Amino acid sequence: MDFITIILIAIGLSFDTFAVSVSTGITVSGIRFWQAVKMAFTLSVFQTLMPLIGWFFGKQIEHLISDYDHWIAFGLLLIL
């Protein structure tokens, strides 16, 4: 992956975390600072690990699906 792609993925993930944080701040009254820190830490861990796990497993099965990857992408987008 080039640097621009990594930056764009990071921006997308940060917007997702920001939306969760804002909606939690609006709906949960009386949230304390350390609760917010724990939630932010948990979100950041998962936002870091999930793309890394996906990349690792994608590299493991790349040779199996490289001939059909465009059809898999088409099917997933069709479902969405």
N, C-alpha and C. Protein backbone atom coordinates (compact mmCIF):
# COMPACT_ATOMS: atom_id res chain seq x y z
N MET A 1 0.84 -1.18 0.00
CA MET A 1 0.00 0.00 0.00
C MET A 1 0.89 1.24 0.00
N ASP A 2 0.47 2.24 -0.72
CA ASP A 2 1.23 3.47 -0.70
C ASP A 2 0.78 4.34 0.48
N PHE A 3 1.53 5.40 0.72
CA PHE A 3 1.30 6.25 1.89
C PHE A 3 -0.06 6.93 1.85
N ILE A 4 -0.49 7.38 0.69
CA ILE A 4 -1.78 8.06 0.55
C ILE A 4 -2.94 7.12 0.92
N THR A 5 -2.85 5.88 0.50
CA THR A 5 -3.90 4.91 0.83
C THR A 5 -3.98 4.69 2.34
N ILE A 6 -2.84 4.57 2.98
CA ILE A 6 -2.82 4.38 4.43
C ILE A 6 -3.41 5.60 5.14
N ILE A 7 -3.08 6.78 4.68
CA ILE A 7 -3.63 8.00 5.28
C ILE A 7 -5.15 8.06 5.09
N LEU A 8 -5.64 7.71 3.91
CA LEU A 8 -7.08 7.74 3.67
C LEU A 8 -7.82 6.71 4.52
N ILE A 9 -7.25 5.54 4.70
CA ILE A 9 -7.86 4.54 5.58
C ILE A 9 -7.87 5.05 7.02
N ALA A 10 -6.78 5.65 7.45
CA ALA A 10 -6.71 6.19 8.82
C ALA A 10 -7.74 7.28 9.03
N ILE A 11 -7.94 8.14 8.04
CA ILE A 11 -8.94 9.21 8.16
C ILE A 11 -10.34 8.61 8.24
N GLY A 12 -10.63 7.62 7.42
CA GLY A 12 -11.93 6.96 7.46
C GLY A 12 -12.20 6.31 8.80
N LEU A 13 -11.22 5.62 9.34
CA LEU A 13 -11.39 4.98 10.64
C LEU A 13 -11.53 6.01 11.76
N SER A 14 -10.82 7.12 11.66
CA SER A 14 -10.95 8.15 12.69
C SER A 14 -12.33 8.80 12.66
N PHE A 15 -12.91 8.97 11.47
CA PHE A 15 -14.27 9.50 11.39
C PHE A 15 -15.27 8.53 12.02
N ASP A 16 -15.06 7.25 11.83
CA ASP A 16 -15.93 6.25 12.43
C ASP A 16 -15.85 6.33 13.95
N THR A 17 -14.65 6.39 14.49
CA THR A 17 -14.47 6.49 15.94
C THR A 17 -15.03 7.81 16.46
N PHE A 18 -14.84 8.87 15.73
CA PHE A 18 -15.37 10.17 16.13
C PHE A 18 -16.90 10.14 16.20
N ALA A 19 -17.54 9.50 15.23
CA ALA A 19 -19.00 9.40 15.24
C ALA A 19 -19.50 8.62 16.44
N VAL A 20 -18.82 7.52 16.77
CA VAL A 20 -19.20 6.74 17.96
C VAL A 20 -19.01 7.58 19.22
N SER A 21 -17.92 8.30 19.31
CA SER A 21 -17.65 9.12 20.49
C SER A 21 -18.68 10.23 20.65
N VAL A 22 -19.02 10.89 19.56
CA VAL A 22 -20.00 11.97 19.63
C VAL A 22 -21.38 11.43 20.01
N SER A 23 -21.79 10.33 19.40
CA SER A 23 -23.11 9.78 19.73
C SER A 23 -23.15 9.27 21.17
N THR A 24 -22.06 8.73 21.66
CA THR A 24 -22.02 8.30 23.07
C THR A 24 -22.08 9.51 23.99
N GLY A 25 -21.37 10.55 23.65
CA GLY A 25 -21.40 11.77 24.46
C GLY A 25 -22.78 12.41 24.50
N ILE A 26 -23.52 12.28 23.41
CA ILE A 26 -24.87 12.85 23.37
C ILE A 26 -25.86 12.00 24.16
N THR A 27 -25.76 10.68 24.05
CA THR A 27 -26.77 9.81 24.65
C THR A 27 -26.49 9.42 26.09
N VAL A 28 -25.23 9.35 26.50
CA VAL A 28 -24.90 8.94 27.86
C VAL A 28 -24.62 10.19 28.69
N SER A 29 -25.49 10.43 29.65
CA SER A 29 -25.27 11.61 30.50
C SER A 29 -24.39 11.22 31.69
N GLY A 30 -23.57 12.12 32.11
CA GLY A 30 -22.73 11.89 33.27
C GLY A 30 -21.54 10.98 33.04
N ILE A 31 -21.05 10.93 31.82
CA ILE A 31 -19.88 10.10 31.55
C ILE A 31 -18.66 10.79 32.16
N ARG A 32 -17.85 10.01 32.82
CA ARG A 32 -16.66 10.55 33.48
C ARG A 32 -15.46 10.46 32.54
N PHE A 33 -14.43 11.22 32.90
CA PHE A 33 -13.24 11.30 32.06
C PHE A 33 -12.61 9.94 31.84
N TRP A 34 -12.43 9.15 32.89
CA TRP A 34 -11.75 7.86 32.75
C TRP A 34 -12.60 6.86 31.99
N GLN A 35 -13.92 7.01 32.06
CA GLN A 35 -14.78 6.16 31.23
C GLN A 35 -14.57 6.49 29.76
N ALA A 36 -14.46 7.77 29.47
CA ALA A 36 -14.23 8.20 28.08
C ALA A 36 -12.86 7.75 27.60
N VAL A 37 -11.85 7.79 28.47
CA VAL A 37 -10.51 7.34 28.10
C VAL A 37 -10.52 5.84 27.82
N LYS A 38 -11.22 5.06 28.66
CA LYS A 38 -11.30 3.61 28.43
C LYS A 38 -12.00 3.31 27.11
N MET A 39 -13.06 4.04 26.83
CA MET A 39 -13.78 3.81 25.58
C MET A 39 -12.91 4.20 24.38
N ALA A 40 -12.21 5.31 24.47
CA ALA A 40 -11.33 5.74 23.38
C ALA A 40 -10.19 4.73 23.17
N PHE A 41 -9.64 4.21 24.27
CA PHE A 41 -8.57 3.22 24.15
C PHE A 41 -9.08 1.94 23.49
N THR A 42 -10.26 1.48 23.92
CA THR A 42 -10.85 0.28 23.33
C THR A 42 -11.11 0.46 21.84
N LEU A 43 -11.70 1.59 21.47
CA LEU A 43 -11.95 1.86 20.05
C LEU A 43 -10.66 1.90 19.25
N SER A 44 -9.64 2.54 19.81
CA SER A 44 -8.38 2.65 19.07
C SER A 44 -7.70 1.29 18.89
N VAL A 45 -7.80 0.43 19.91
CA VAL A 45 -7.21 -0.91 19.79
C VAL A 45 -7.91 -1.68 18.68
N PHE A 46 -9.25 -1.67 18.70
CA PHE A 46 -9.97 -2.42 17.67
C PHE A 46 -9.81 -1.81 16.28
N GLN A 47 -9.77 -0.48 16.19
CA GLN A 47 -9.58 0.16 14.90
C GLN A 47 -8.19 -0.10 14.34
N THR A 48 -7.24 -0.43 15.21
CA THR A 48 -5.89 -0.78 14.75
C THR A 48 -5.80 -2.26 14.39
N LEU A 49 -6.37 -3.11 15.23
CA LEU A 49 -6.22 -4.55 15.04
C LEU A 49 -7.02 -5.10 13.87
N MET A 50 -8.23 -4.62 13.67
CA MET A 50 -9.08 -5.20 12.63
C MET A 50 -8.48 -5.07 11.23
N PRO A 51 -7.99 -3.90 10.80
CA PRO A 51 -7.36 -3.85 9.47
C PRO A 51 -6.10 -4.71 9.38
N LEU A 52 -5.32 -4.78 10.47
CA LEU A 52 -4.12 -5.61 10.45
C LEU A 52 -4.47 -7.09 10.33
N ILE A 53 -5.49 -7.53 11.05
CA ILE A 53 -5.92 -8.92 10.97
C ILE A 53 -6.46 -9.22 9.56
N GLY A 54 -7.25 -8.30 9.02
CA GLY A 54 -7.77 -8.48 7.67
C GLY A 54 -6.66 -8.53 6.63
N TRP A 55 -5.66 -7.68 6.79
CA TRP A 55 -4.53 -7.69 5.86
C TRP A 55 -3.76 -9.00 5.96
N PHE A 56 -3.52 -9.48 7.20
CA PHE A 56 -2.78 -10.71 7.40
C PHE A 56 -3.50 -11.91 6.77
N PHE A 57 -4.79 -12.05 7.05
CA PHE A 57 -5.52 -13.18 6.49
C PHE A 57 -5.73 -13.03 4.98
N GLY A 58 -5.86 -11.81 4.51
CA GLY A 58 -5.97 -11.59 3.08
C GLY A 58 -4.72 -12.02 2.34
N LYS A 59 -3.56 -11.75 2.93
CA LYS A 59 -2.29 -12.18 2.33
C LYS A 59 -2.18 -13.71 2.32
N GLN A 60 -2.76 -14.36 3.34
CA GLN A 60 -2.68 -15.82 3.43
C GLN A 60 -3.50 -16.51 2.33
N ILE A 61 -4.64 -15.90 1.95
CA ILE A 61 -5.51 -16.55 0.96
C ILE A 61 -5.46 -15.86 -0.40
N GLU A 62 -4.53 -14.95 -0.57
CA GLU A 62 -4.43 -14.20 -1.82
C GLU A 62 -4.25 -15.13 -3.02
N HIS A 63 -3.42 -16.12 -2.90
CA HIS A 63 -3.16 -17.03 -4.02
C HIS A 63 -4.38 -17.88 -4.37
N LEU A 64 -5.30 -18.07 -3.42
CA LEU A 64 -6.49 -18.88 -3.67
C LEU A 64 -7.59 -18.12 -4.42
N ILE A 65 -7.68 -16.81 -4.17
CA ILE A 65 -8.81 -16.06 -4.72
C ILE A 65 -8.41 -15.01 -5.74
N SER A 66 -7.13 -14.95 -6.10
CA SER A 66 -6.70 -13.87 -7.00
C SER A 66 -7.36 -13.94 -8.38
N ASP A 67 -7.74 -15.13 -8.82
CA ASP A 67 -8.40 -15.24 -10.12
C ASP A 67 -9.87 -14.81 -10.07
N TYR A 68 -10.45 -14.83 -8.89
CA TYR A 68 -11.88 -14.55 -8.74
C TYR A 68 -12.16 -13.33 -7.87
N ASP A 69 -11.13 -12.58 -7.51
CA ASP A 69 -11.33 -11.49 -6.56
C ASP A 69 -12.29 -10.42 -7.06
N HIS A 70 -12.30 -10.15 -8.35
CA HIS A 70 -13.22 -9.14 -8.88
C HIS A 70 -14.67 -9.61 -8.76
N TRP A 71 -14.91 -10.90 -8.91
CA TRP A 71 -16.28 -11.41 -8.77
C TRP A 71 -16.72 -11.42 -7.30
N ILE A 72 -15.78 -11.69 -6.40
CA ILE A 72 -16.09 -11.64 -4.97
C ILE A 72 -16.44 -10.21 -4.58
N ALA A 73 -15.66 -9.24 -5.04
CA ALA A 73 -15.95 -7.84 -4.76
C ALA A 73 -17.29 -7.43 -5.33
N PHE A 74 -17.61 -7.88 -6.55
CA PHE A 74 -18.88 -7.57 -7.17
C PHE A 74 -20.02 -8.15 -6.34
N GLY A 75 -19.89 -9.41 -5.89
CA GLY A 75 -20.94 -10.03 -5.09
C GLY A 75 -21.15 -9.32 -3.77
N LEU A 76 -20.07 -8.91 -3.11
CA LEU A 76 -20.21 -8.19 -1.84
C LEU A 76 -20.87 -6.84 -2.04
N LEU A 77 -20.49 -6.14 -3.09
CA LEU A 77 -21.12 -4.85 -3.37
C LEU A 77 -22.59 -5.03 -3.76
N LEU A 78 -22.90 -6.11 -4.45
CA LEU A 78 -24.29 -6.39 -4.81
C LEU A 78 -25.13 -6.63 -3.57
N ILE A 79 -24.57 -7.34 -2.60
CA ILE A 79 -25.29 -7.58 -1.35
C ILE A 79 -25.53 -6.28 -0.60
N LEU A 80 -24.54 -5.41 -0.59
CA LEU A 80 -24.70 -4.12 0.10
C LEU A 80 -25.70 -3.24 -0.61
